[in-house]
Amino acid sequence: MKAILISAVLAFVLALAYGAGPAQAKGCIKGAVVGGVAGHLAHHHGVLGAAAGCAIGHHEASKNAKAKENANQQKQQ
């Protein structure tokens, strides 16, 4: 189990270090961590949980950014 966890963390760190430039990943990292833990606790589906958490976290971050942008536009008018 430790070997799988260590190799997964190493792969994640390498992917971050050698990623393909800037990405729109706001909310993804936090969501992936939370989803991965939840998925691991739910019958060892950590990768599936991390993917779902990333998607949900990105969606929530985008929704919050749009709400802030709308509030700023209304404030300026």
C-alpha atoms as a PDB file:
ATOM      1  CA  MET A   1       0.000   0.000   0.000  1.00  0.00           C
ATOM      2  CA  LYS A   2       2.816   2.404   0.834  1.00  0.00           C
ATOM      3  CA  ALA A   3       4.504   1.763  -2.498  1.00  0.00           C
ATOM      4  CA  ILE A   4       1.321   2.647  -4.385  1.00  0.00           C
ATOM      5  CA  LEU A   5       0.828   5.809  -2.354  1.00  0.00           C
ATOM      6  CA  ILE A   6       4.450   6.919  -2.759  1.00  0.00           C
ATOM      7  CA  SER A   7       4.402   6.284  -6.504  1.00  0.00           C
ATOM      8  CA  ALA A   8       1.096   8.160  -6.868  1.00  0.00           C
ATOM      9  CA  VAL A   9       2.460  11.159  -4.976  1.00  0.00           C
ATOM     10  CA  LEU A  10       5.665  11.070  -7.032  1.00  0.00           C
ATOM     11  CA  ALA A  11       3.668  10.947 -10.275  1.00  0.00           C
ATOM     12  CA  PHE A  12       1.538  13.876  -9.103  1.00  0.00           C
ATOM     13  CA  VAL A  13       4.588  15.964  -8.192  1.00  0.00           C
ATOM     14  CA  LEU A  14       6.248  15.200 -11.524  1.00  0.00           C
ATOM     15  CA  ALA A  15       3.070  16.105 -13.383  1.00  0.00           C
ATOM     16  CA  LEU A  16       2.968  19.434 -11.583  1.00  0.00           C
ATOM     17  CA  ALA A  17       6.651  20.115 -12.199  1.00  0.00           C
ATOM     18  CA  TYR A  18       6.607  19.265 -15.901  1.00  0.00           C
ATOM     19  CA  GLY A  19       3.071  20.358 -16.759  1.00  0.00           C
ATOM     20  CA  ALA A  20       2.229  21.950 -20.065  1.00  0.00           C
ATOM     21  CA  GLY A  21       2.229  25.621 -19.126  1.00  0.00           C
ATOM     22  CA  PRO A  22      -0.391  27.533 -17.206  1.00  0.00           C
ATOM     23  CA  ALA A  23      -3.791  25.921 -16.820  1.00  0.00           C
ATOM     24  CA  GLN A  24      -7.211  26.922 -15.581  1.00  0.00           C
ATOM     25  CA  ALA A  25      -7.008  24.732 -12.479  1.00  0.00           C
ATOM     26  CA  LYS A  26      -8.580  26.912  -9.824  1.00  0.00           C
ATOM     27  CA  GLY A  27     -10.303  24.681  -7.313  1.00  0.00           C
ATOM     28  CA  CYS A  28      -9.032  21.492  -8.908  1.00  0.00           C
ATOM     29  CA  ILE A  29      -6.221  20.724  -6.476  1.00  0.00           C
ATOM     30  CA  LYS A  30      -8.331  21.213  -3.357  1.00  0.00           C
ATOM     31  CA  GLY A  31     -11.209  19.243  -4.881  1.00  0.00           C
ATOM     32  CA  ALA A  32      -8.901  16.454  -5.990  1.00  0.00           C
ATOM     33  CA  VAL A  33      -7.424  16.099  -2.507  1.00  0.00           C
ATOM     34  CA  VAL A  34     -10.822  16.008  -0.828  1.00  0.00           C
ATOM     35  CA  GLY A  35     -12.277  13.711  -3.486  1.00  0.00           C
ATOM     36  CA  GLY A  36      -9.277  11.399  -3.361  1.00  0.00           C
ATOM     37  CA  VAL A  37      -9.549  10.981   0.385  1.00  0.00           C
ATOM     38  CA  ALA A  38     -13.300  10.448   0.194  1.00  0.00           C
ATOM     39  CA  GLY A  39     -12.880   7.972  -2.653  1.00  0.00           C
ATOM     40  CA  HIS A  40     -10.175   6.097  -0.789  1.00  0.00           C
ATOM     41  CA  LEU A  41     -12.412   5.765   2.233  1.00  0.00           C
ATOM     42  CA  ALA A  42     -15.264   4.565   0.003  1.00  0.00           C
ATOM     43  CA  HIS A  43     -13.813   1.197  -0.979  1.00  0.00           C
ATOM     44  CA  HIS A  44     -10.460   2.329  -2.379  1.00  0.00           C
ATOM     45  CA  HIS A  45     -11.648   4.457  -5.298  1.00  0.00           C
ATOM     46  CA  GLY A  46      -9.204   7.299  -4.669  1.00  0.00           C
ATOM     47  CA  VAL A  47      -8.396   8.050  -8.306  1.00  0.00           C
ATOM     48  CA  LEU A  48     -12.048   8.188  -9.289  1.00  0.00           C
ATOM     49  CA  GLY A  49     -12.785  10.406  -6.287  1.00  0.00           C
ATOM     50  CA  ALA A  50      -9.875  12.687  -7.147  1.00  0.00           C
ATOM     51  CA  ALA A  51     -11.085  13.096 -10.732  1.00  0.00           C
ATOM     52  CA  ALA A  52     -14.629  13.868  -9.601  1.00  0.00           C
ATOM     53  CA  GLY A  53     -13.368  16.216  -6.883  1.00  0.00           C
ATOM     54  CA  CYS A  54     -11.232  18.075  -9.407  1.00  0.00           C
ATOM     55  CA  ALA A  55     -14.199  18.563 -11.729  1.00  0.00           C
ATOM     56  CA  ILE A  56     -16.474  19.722  -8.919  1.00  0.00           C
ATOM     57  CA  GLY A  57     -13.811  21.994  -7.413  1.00  0.00           C
ATOM     58  CA  HIS A  58     -13.132  23.617 -10.787  1.00  0.00           C
ATOM     59  CA  HIS A  59     -16.853  24.113 -11.367  1.00  0.00           C
ATOM     60  CA  GLU A  60     -17.341  25.742  -7.957  1.00  0.00           C
ATOM     61  CA  ALA A  61     -14.303  28.006  -8.428  1.00  0.00           C
ATOM     62  CA  SER A  62     -15.575  29.123 -11.842  1.00  0.00           C
ATOM     63  CA  LYS A  63     -19.023  29.776 -10.419  1.00  0.00           C
ATOM     64  CA  ASN A  64     -17.536  31.873  -7.595  1.00  0.00           C
ATOM     65  CA  ALA A  65     -15.329  33.818 -10.017  1.00  0.00           C
ATOM     66  CA  LYS A  66     -18.336  34.651 -12.224  1.00  0.00           C
ATOM     67  CA  ALA A  67     -20.326  35.771  -9.186  1.00  0.00           C
ATOM     68  CA  LYS A  68     -17.478  38.055  -8.065  1.00  0.00           C
ATOM     69  CA  GLU A  69     -17.156  39.465 -11.584  1.00  0.00           C
ATOM     70  CA  ASN A  70     -20.898  40.190 -11.733  1.00  0.00           C
ATOM     71  CA  ALA A  71     -20.784  41.846  -8.304  1.00  0.00           C
ATOM     72  CA  ASN A  72     -17.865  44.041  -9.386  1.00  0.00           C
ATOM     73  CA  GLN A  73     -19.672  45.063 -12.587  1.00  0.00           C
ATOM     74  CA  GLN A  74     -22.793  45.992 -10.659  1.00  0.00           C
ATOM     75  CA  LYS A  75     -20.737  47.941  -8.117  1.00  0.00           C
ATOM     76  CA  GLN A  76     -19.101  49.987 -10.905  1.00  0.00           C
ATOM     77  CA  GLN A  77     -22.438  50.963 -12.463  1.00  0.00           C
END
